């Protein structure tokens, strides 16, 4: 899943047939849309975290923060 907006990546909206048809029928003000496997599953709003998990068939633990490579606090100590 990735996010594009009309201002920063306009060609994504032109080259994606499903999104192009949607924008031509409903207008850019009806964005955003969320596509899964090429089909619009949500329109007019961004998905909730729970919807992202469901749409991508991920466990809820996928949203938990992970400590990768230690902490990034200053002065050599970890944040608490």
PDB file of N, CA and C in Angstrom:
ATOM      1  N   UNK A   1       0.849  -1.154   0.000  1.00  0.00           N
ATOM      2  CA  UNK A   1       0.000   0.000   0.000  1.00  0.00           C
ATOM      3  C   UNK A   1       0.902   1.227   0.000  1.00  0.00           C
ATOM      4  N   UNK A   2       0.574   2.179  -0.813  1.00  0.00           N
ATOM      5  CA  UNK A   2       1.306   3.429  -0.808  1.00  0.00           C
ATOM      6  C   UNK A   2       0.324   4.553  -1.047  1.00  0.00           C
ATOM      7  N   UNK A   3       0.755   5.736  -0.712  1.00  0.00           N
ATOM      8  CA  UNK A   3      -0.117   6.900  -0.823  1.00  0.00           C
ATOM      9  C   UNK A   3       0.469   7.882  -1.823  1.00  0.00           C
ATOM     10  N   UNK A   4      -0.366   8.372  -2.695  1.00  0.00           N
ATOM     11  CA  UNK A   4      -0.005   9.435  -3.620  1.00  0.00           C
ATOM     12  C   UNK A   4      -1.067  10.509  -3.510  1.00  0.00           C
ATOM     13  N   UNK A   5      -0.664  11.730  -3.733  1.00  0.00           N
ATOM     14  CA  UNK A   5      -1.677  12.765  -3.833  1.00  0.00           C
ATOM     15  C   UNK A   5      -1.575  13.427  -5.196  1.00  0.00           C
ATOM     16  N   UNK A   6      -2.641  14.069  -5.568  1.00  0.00           N
ATOM     17  CA  UNK A   6      -2.765  14.632  -6.908  1.00  0.00           C
ATOM     18  C   UNK A   6      -1.704  15.675  -7.209  1.00  0.00           C
ATOM     19  N   UNK A   7      -1.257  16.404  -6.199  1.00  0.00           N
ATOM     20  CA  UNK A   7      -0.250  17.442  -6.413  1.00  0.00           C
ATOM     21  C   UNK A   7       1.150  16.883  -6.599  1.00  0.00           C
ATOM     22  N   UNK A   8       1.522  15.866  -5.807  1.00  0.00           N
ATOM     23  CA  UNK A   8       2.897  15.373  -5.870  1.00  0.00           C
ATOM     24  C   UNK A   8       3.105  14.269  -6.897  1.00  0.00           C
ATOM     25  N   UNK A   9       2.056  13.558  -7.281  1.00  0.00           N
ATOM     26  CA  UNK A   9       2.209  12.457  -8.233  1.00  0.00           C
ATOM     27  C   UNK A   9       1.009  12.405  -9.190  1.00  0.00           C
ATOM     28  N   UNK A  10       0.812  13.453  -9.992  1.00  0.00           N
ATOM     29  CA  UNK A  10      -0.371  13.488 -10.856  1.00  0.00           C
ATOM     30  C   UNK A  10      -0.427  12.358 -11.886  1.00  0.00           C
ATOM     31  N   UNK A  11       0.705  11.874 -12.346  1.00  0.00           N
ATOM     32  CA  UNK A  11       0.703  10.809 -13.351  1.00  0.00           C
ATOM     33  C   UNK A  11       0.151   9.498 -12.800  1.00  0.00           C
ATOM     34  N   UNK A  12       0.257   9.272 -11.502  1.00  0.00           N
ATOM     35  CA  UNK A  12      -0.321   8.068 -10.902  1.00  0.00           C
ATOM     36  C   UNK A  12      -1.835   8.058 -11.086  1.00  0.00           C
ATOM     37  N   UNK A  13      -2.443   9.237 -11.123  1.00  0.00           N
ATOM     38  CA  UNK A  13      -3.884   9.345 -11.280  1.00  0.00           C
ATOM     39  C   UNK A  13      -4.297   9.238 -12.743  1.00  0.00           C
ATOM     40  N   UNK A  14      -3.380   9.536 -13.637  1.00  0.00           N
ATOM     41  CA  UNK A  14      -3.649   9.435 -15.070  1.00  0.00           C
ATOM     42  C   UNK A  14      -3.425   8.009 -15.547  1.00  0.00           C
ATOM     43  N   UNK A  15      -2.345   7.378 -15.086  1.00  0.00           N
ATOM     44  CA  UNK A  15      -1.981   6.062 -15.602  1.00  0.00           C
ATOM     45  C   UNK A  15      -2.744   4.917 -14.944  1.00  0.00           C
ATOM     46  N   UNK A  16      -3.334   5.133 -13.786  1.00  0.00           N
ATOM     47  CA  UNK A  16      -4.133   4.085 -13.145  1.00  0.00           C
ATOM     48  C   UNK A  16      -5.561   4.215 -13.660  1.00  0.00           C
ATOM     49  N   UNK A  17      -5.988   3.249 -14.454  1.00  0.00           N
ATOM     50  CA  UNK A  17      -7.301   3.325 -15.114  1.00  0.00           C
ATOM     51  C   UNK A  17      -8.443   3.470 -14.111  1.00  0.00           C
ATOM     52  N   UNK A  18      -8.422   2.695 -13.052  1.00  0.00           N
ATOM     53  CA  UNK A  18      -9.504   2.732 -12.063  1.00  0.00           C
ATOM     54  C   UNK A  18      -9.616   4.106 -11.434  1.00  0.00           C
ATOM     55  N   UNK A  19      -8.484   4.677 -11.034  1.00  0.00           N
ATOM     56  CA  UNK A  19      -8.489   6.000 -10.403  1.00  0.00           C
ATOM     57  C   UNK A  19      -8.847   7.073 -11.417  1.00  0.00           C
ATOM     58  N   UNK A  20      -8.358   6.923 -12.627  1.00  0.00           N
ATOM     59  CA  UNK A  20      -8.657   7.892 -13.679  1.00  0.00           C
ATOM     60  C   UNK A  20     -10.161   7.957 -13.941  1.00  0.00           C
ATOM     61  N   UNK A  21     -10.805   6.809 -14.049  1.00  0.00           N
ATOM     62  CA  UNK A  21     -12.254   6.770 -14.268  1.00  0.00           C
ATOM     63  C   UNK A  21     -12.975   7.394 -13.069  1.00  0.00           C
ATOM     64  N   UNK A  22     -12.538   7.056 -11.863  1.00  0.00           N
ATOM     65  CA  UNK A  22     -13.154   7.596 -10.648  1.00  0.00           C
ATOM     66  C   UNK A  22     -13.092   9.125 -10.644  1.00  0.00           C
ATOM     67  N   UNK A  23     -11.902   9.681 -10.901  1.00  0.00           N
ATOM     68  CA  UNK A  23     -11.733  11.142 -10.882  1.00  0.00           C
ATOM     69  C   UNK A  23     -12.552  11.795 -11.987  1.00  0.00           C
ATOM     70  N   UNK A  24     -12.605  11.169 -13.155  1.00  0.00           N
ATOM     71  CA  UNK A  24     -13.408  11.740 -14.249  1.00  0.00           C
ATOM     72  C   UNK A  24     -14.897  11.715 -13.932  1.00  0.00           C
ATOM     73  N   UNK A  25     -15.371  10.710 -13.201  1.00  0.00           N
ATOM     74  CA  UNK A  25     -16.795  10.603 -12.874  1.00  0.00           C
ATOM     75  C   UNK A  25     -17.183  11.447 -11.663  1.00  0.00           C
ATOM     76  N   UNK A  26     -16.332  11.434 -10.625  1.00  0.00           N
ATOM     77  CA  UNK A  26     -16.711  12.063  -9.360  1.00  0.00           C
ATOM     78  C   UNK A  26     -15.936  13.324  -9.029  1.00  0.00           C
ATOM     79  N   UNK A  27     -14.840  13.574  -9.739  1.00  0.00           N
ATOM     80  CA  UNK A  27     -14.034  14.761  -9.504  1.00  0.00           C
ATOM     81  C   UNK A  27     -12.974  14.544  -8.436  1.00  0.00           C
ATOM     82  N   UNK A  28     -11.957  15.383  -8.474  1.00  0.00           N
ATOM     83  CA  UNK A  28     -10.836  15.262  -7.538  1.00  0.00           C
ATOM     84  C   UNK A  28     -11.266  15.502  -6.100  1.00  0.00           C
ATOM     85  N   UNK A  29     -12.355  16.229  -5.896  1.00  0.00           N
ATOM     86  CA  UNK A  29     -12.822  16.484  -4.534  1.00  0.00           C
ATOM     87  C   UNK A  29     -13.350  15.214  -3.864  1.00  0.00           C
ATOM     88  N   UNK A  30     -13.595  14.153  -4.618  1.00  0.00           N
ATOM     89  CA  UNK A  30     -14.058  12.878  -4.051  1.00  0.00           C
ATOM     90  C   UNK A  30     -12.898  12.010  -3.548  1.00  0.00           C
ATOM     91  N   UNK A  31     -11.668  12.446  -3.807  1.00  0.00           N
ATOM     92  CA  UNK A  31     -10.498  11.715  -3.322  1.00  0.00           C
ATOM     93  C   UNK A  31     -10.361  11.905  -1.819  1.00  0.00           C
ATOM     94  N   UNK A  32      -9.668  11.072  -1.112  1.00  0.00           N
ATOM     95  CA  UNK A  32      -8.807   9.991  -1.582  1.00  0.00           C
ATOM     96  C   UNK A  32      -9.590   8.712  -1.846  1.00  0.00           C
ATOM     97  N   UNK A  33      -8.941   7.802  -2.544  1.00  0.00           N
ATOM     98  CA  UNK A  33      -9.460   6.455  -2.724  1.00  0.00           C
ATOM     99  C   UNK A  33      -8.396   5.477  -2.268  1.00  0.00           C
ATOM    100  N   UNK A  34      -8.859   4.328  -1.814  1.00  0.00           N
ATOM    101  CA  UNK A  34      -7.961   3.241  -1.426  1.00  0.00           C
ATOM    102  C   UNK A  34      -8.269   2.076  -2.351  1.00  0.00           C
ATOM    103  N   UNK A  35      -7.228   1.571  -3.008  1.00  0.00           N
ATOM    104  CA  UNK A  35      -7.384   0.438  -3.899  1.00  0.00           C
ATOM    105  C   UNK A  35      -6.715  -0.790  -3.300  1.00  0.00           C
ATOM    106  N   UNK A  36      -7.371  -1.921  -3.452  1.00  0.00           N
ATOM    107  CA  UNK A  36      -6.782  -3.213  -3.098  1.00  0.00           C
ATOM    108  C   UNK A  36      -7.000  -4.112  -4.296  1.00  0.00           C
ATOM    109  N   UNK A  37      -5.920  -4.659  -4.803  1.00  0.00           N
ATOM    110  CA  UNK A  37      -5.979  -5.518  -5.994  1.00  0.00           C
ATOM    111  C   UNK A  37      -6.700  -4.831  -7.149  1.00  0.00           C
ATOM    112  N   UNK A  38      -6.476  -3.530  -7.285  1.00  0.00           N
ATOM    113  CA  UNK A  38      -7.035  -2.779  -8.398  1.00  0.00           C
ATOM    114  C   UNK A  38      -8.476  -2.334  -8.238  1.00  0.00           C
ATOM    115  N   UNK A  39      -9.087  -2.646  -7.105  1.00  0.00           N
ATOM    116  CA  UNK A  39     -10.478  -2.277  -6.867  1.00  0.00           C
ATOM    117  C   UNK A  39     -10.570  -1.217  -5.775  1.00  0.00           C
ATOM    118  N   UNK A  40     -11.444  -0.237  -5.968  1.00  0.00           N
ATOM    119  CA  UNK A  40     -11.659   0.788  -4.955  1.00  0.00           C
ATOM    120  C   UNK A  40     -12.444   0.169  -3.813  1.00  0.00           C
ATOM    121  N   UNK A  41     -11.860   0.234  -2.618  1.00  0.00           N
ATOM    122  CA  UNK A  41     -12.518  -0.335  -1.441  1.00  0.00           C
ATOM    123  C   UNK A  41     -12.951   0.748  -0.447  1.00  0.00           C
ATOM    124  N   UNK A  42     -12.346   1.918  -0.525  1.00  0.00           N
ATOM    125  CA  UNK A  42     -12.725   3.053   0.316  1.00  0.00           C
ATOM    126  C   UNK A  42     -12.587   4.304  -0.540  1.00  0.00           C
ATOM    127  N   UNK A  43     -13.545   5.191  -0.436  1.00  0.00           N
ATOM    128  CA  UNK A  43     -13.445   6.462  -1.158  1.00  0.00           C
ATOM    129  C   UNK A  43     -13.862   7.614  -0.260  1.00  0.00           C
ATOM    130  N   UNK A  44     -13.234   8.764  -0.505  1.00  0.00           N
ATOM    131  CA  UNK A  44     -13.594   9.978   0.212  1.00  0.00           C
ATOM    132  C   UNK A  44     -12.974  10.138   1.587  1.00  0.00           C
ATOM    133  N   UNK A  45     -12.148   9.188   2.004  1.00  0.00           N
ATOM    134  CA  UNK A  45     -11.500   9.279   3.315  1.00  0.00           C
ATOM    135  C   UNK A  45     -10.312   8.321   3.347  1.00  0.00           C
ATOM    136  N   UNK A  46      -9.460   8.527   4.338  1.00  0.00           N
ATOM    137  CA  UNK A  46      -8.332   7.627   4.545  1.00  0.00           C
ATOM    138  C   UNK A  46      -8.776   6.472   5.430  1.00  0.00           C
ATOM    139  N   UNK A  47      -8.174   5.309   5.273  1.00  0.00           N
ATOM    140  CA  UNK A  47      -8.572   4.161   6.091  1.00  0.00           C
ATOM    141  C   UNK A  47      -8.097   4.304   7.532  1.00  0.00           C
ATOM    142  N   UNK A  48      -8.846   3.682   8.433  1.00  0.00           N
ATOM    143  CA  UNK A  48      -8.414   3.608   9.826  1.00  0.00           C
ATOM    144  C   UNK A  48      -7.322   2.551   9.938  1.00  0.00           C
ATOM    145  N   UNK A  49      -6.618   2.554  11.052  1.00  0.00           N
ATOM    146  CA  UNK A  49      -5.607   1.516  11.272  1.00  0.00           C
ATOM    147  C   UNK A  49      -6.232   0.131  11.199  1.00  0.00           C
ATOM    148  N   UNK A  50      -7.406  -0.031  11.790  1.00  0.00           N
ATOM    149  CA  UNK A  50      -8.076  -1.329  11.784  1.00  0.00           C
ATOM    150  C   UNK A  50      -8.432  -1.761  10.357  1.00  0.00           C
ATOM    151  N   UNK A  51      -8.864  -0.816   9.545  1.00  0.00           N
ATOM    152  CA  UNK A  51      -9.188  -1.138   8.152  1.00  0.00           C
ATOM    153  C   UNK A  51      -7.936  -1.541   7.374  1.00  0.00           C
ATOM    154  N   UNK A  52      -6.828  -0.867   7.639  1.00  0.00           N
ATOM    155  CA  UNK A  52      -5.574  -1.239   6.971  1.00  0.00           C
ATOM    156  C   UNK A  52      -5.198  -2.672   7.322  1.00  0.00           C
ATOM    157  N   UNK A  53      -5.294  -3.002   8.602  1.00  0.00           N
ATOM    158  CA  UNK A  53      -4.980  -4.371   9.026  1.00  0.00           C
ATOM    159  C   UNK A  53      -5.881  -5.380   8.322  1.00  0.00           C
ATOM    160  N   UNK A  54      -7.159  -5.099   8.264  1.00  0.00           N
ATOM    161  CA  UNK A  54      -8.107  -6.016   7.632  1.00  0.00           C
ATOM    162  C   UNK A  54      -7.845  -6.130   6.134  1.00  0.00           C
ATOM    163  N   UNK A  55      -7.693  -4.998   5.460  1.00  0.00           N
ATOM    164  CA  UNK A  55      -7.492  -5.002   4.013  1.00  0.00           C
ATOM    165  C   UNK A  55      -6.212  -5.723   3.608  1.00  0.00           C
ATOM    166  N   UNK A  56      -5.167  -5.592   4.418  1.00  0.00           N
ATOM    167  CA  UNK A  56      -3.888  -6.222   4.099  1.00  0.00           C
ATOM    168  C   UNK A  56      -3.697  -7.566   4.792  1.00  0.00           C
ATOM    169  N   UNK A  57      -4.748  -7.981   5.528  1.00  0.00           N
ATOM    170  CA  UNK A  57      -4.731  -9.270   6.238  1.00  0.00           C
ATOM    171  C   UNK A  57      -3.506  -9.384   7.150  1.00  0.00           C
ATOM    172  N   UNK A  58      -3.312  -8.337   7.959  1.00  0.00           N
ATOM    173  CA  UNK A  58      -2.193  -8.290   8.891  1.00  0.00           C
ATOM    174  C   UNK A  58      -2.694  -8.456  10.317  1.00  0.00           C
ATOM    175  N   UNK A  59      -1.841  -8.999  11.204  1.00  0.00           N
ATOM    176  CA  UNK A  59      -2.223  -9.079  12.614  1.00  0.00           C
ATOM    177  C   UNK A  59      -2.131  -7.701  13.258  1.00  0.00           C
ATOM    178  N   UNK A  60      -2.845  -7.512  14.358  1.00  0.00           N
ATOM    179  CA  UNK A  60      -2.826  -6.219  15.034  1.00  0.00           C
ATOM    180  C   UNK A  60      -1.428  -5.862  15.533  1.00  0.00           C
ATOM    181  N   UNK A  61      -0.587  -6.858  15.746  1.00  0.00           N
ATOM    182  CA  UNK A  61       0.782  -6.594  16.191  1.00  0.00           C
ATOM    183  C   UNK A  61       1.591  -5.831  15.143  1.00  0.00           C
ATOM    184  N   UNK A  62       1.125  -5.799  13.919  1.00  0.00           N
ATOM    185  CA  UNK A  62       1.840  -5.069  12.861  1.00  0.00           C
ATOM    186  C   UNK A  62       1.859  -3.568  13.137  1.00  0.00           C
ATOM    187  N   UNK A  63       0.953  -3.086  13.987  1.00  0.00           N
ATOM    188  CA  UNK A  63       0.917  -1.656  14.308  1.00  0.00           C
ATOM    189  C   UNK A  63       1.720  -1.294  15.543  1.00  0.00           C
ATOM    190  N   UNK A  64       2.256  -2.285  16.220  1.00  0.00           N
ATOM    191  CA  UNK A  64       3.023  -2.005  17.431  1.00  0.00           C
ATOM    192  C   UNK A  64       4.384  -1.431  17.073  1.00  0.00           C
ATOM    193  N   UNK A  65       4.869  -0.452  17.836  1.00  0.00           N
ATOM    194  CA  UNK A  65       6.204   0.095  17.566  1.00  0.00           C
ATOM    195  C   UNK A  65       7.268  -0.957  17.857  1.00  0.00           C
ATOM    196  N   UNK A  66       8.325  -0.902  17.085  1.00  0.00           N
ATOM    197  CA  UNK A  66       9.428  -1.841  17.272  1.00  0.00           C
ATOM    198  C   UNK A  66      10.702  -1.075  17.565  1.00  0.00           C
ATOM    199  N   UNK A  67      11.500  -1.607  18.448  1.00  0.00           N
ATOM    200  CA  UNK A  67      12.792  -1.013  18.776  1.00  0.00           C
ATOM    201  C   UNK A  67      13.838  -1.697  17.906  1.00  0.00           C
ATOM    202  N   UNK A  68      14.119  -1.094  16.784  1.00  0.00           N
ATOM    203  CA  UNK A  68      15.069  -1.655  15.830  1.00  0.00           C
ATOM    204  C   UNK A  68      16.396  -0.929  15.990  1.00  0.00           C
ATOM    205  N   UNK A  69      17.419  -1.657  16.373  1.00  0.00           N
ATOM    206  CA  UNK A  69      18.740  -1.073  16.483  1.00  0.00           C
ATOM    207  C   UNK A  69      18.937  -0.196  17.704  1.00  0.00           C
ATOM    208  N   UNK A  70      18.153  -0.377  18.738  1.00  0.00           N
ATOM    209  CA  UNK A  70      18.326   0.416  19.951  1.00  0.00           C
ATOM    210  C   UNK A  70      17.607   1.734  19.869  1.00  0.00           C
ATOM    211  N   UNK A  71      17.730   2.489  20.925  1.00  0.00           N
ATOM    212  CA  UNK A  71      17.027   3.770  20.981  1.00  0.00           C
ATOM    213  C   UNK A  71      17.874   4.851  20.325  1.00  0.00           C
ATOM    214  N   UNK A  72      17.266   5.985  20.146  1.00  0.00           N
ATOM    215  CA  UNK A  72      17.969   7.084  19.471  1.00  0.00           C
ATOM    216  C   UNK A  72      18.081   8.305  20.373  1.00  0.00           C
ATOM    217  N   UNK A  73      18.087   8.084  21.666  1.00  0.00           N
ATOM    218  CA  UNK A  73      18.174   9.218  22.587  1.00  0.00           C
ATOM    219  C   UNK A  73      19.593   9.757  22.642  1.00  0.00           C
ATOM    220  N   UNK A  74      19.713  10.974  23.053  1.00  0.00           N
ATOM    221  CA  UNK A  74      21.015  11.648  23.141  1.00  0.00           C
ATOM    222  C   UNK A  74      21.730  11.253  24.429  1.00  0.00           C
ATOM    223  N   UNK A  75      22.963  11.586  24.556  1.00  0.00           N
ATOM    224  CA  UNK A  75      23.795  11.353  25.720  1.00  0.00           C
ATOM    225  C   UNK A  75      24.035   9.879  26.019  1.00  0.00           C
ATOM    226  N   UNK A  76      23.869   9.030  25.016  1.00  0.00           N
ATOM    227  CA  UNK A  76      24.199   7.618  25.164  1.00  0.00           C
ATOM    228  C   UNK A  76      23.210   6.771  25.929  1.00  0.00           C
ATOM    229  N   UNK A  77      22.167   7.350  26.483  1.00  0.00           N
ATOM    230  CA  UNK A  77      21.193   6.567  27.234  1.00  0.00           C
ATOM    231  C   UNK A  77      19.910   6.420  26.469  1.00  0.00           C
ATOM    232  N   UNK A  78      19.142   5.428  26.849  1.00  0.00           N
ATOM    233  CA  UNK A  78      17.858   5.215  26.207  1.00  0.00           C
ATOM    234  C   UNK A  78      16.763   6.003  26.912  1.00  0.00           C
ATOM    235  N   UNK A  79      15.757   6.345  26.169  1.00  0.00           N
ATOM    236  CA  UNK A  79      14.610   7.076  26.716  1.00  0.00           C
ATOM    237  C   UNK A  79      13.756   6.110  27.530  1.00  0.00           C
ATOM    238  N   UNK A  80      13.105   6.644  28.521  1.00  0.00           N
ATOM    239  CA  UNK A  80      12.192   5.800  29.301  1.00  0.00           C
ATOM    240  C   UNK A  80      10.815   6.407  29.297  1.00  0.00           C
TER     241      UNK A  80
END
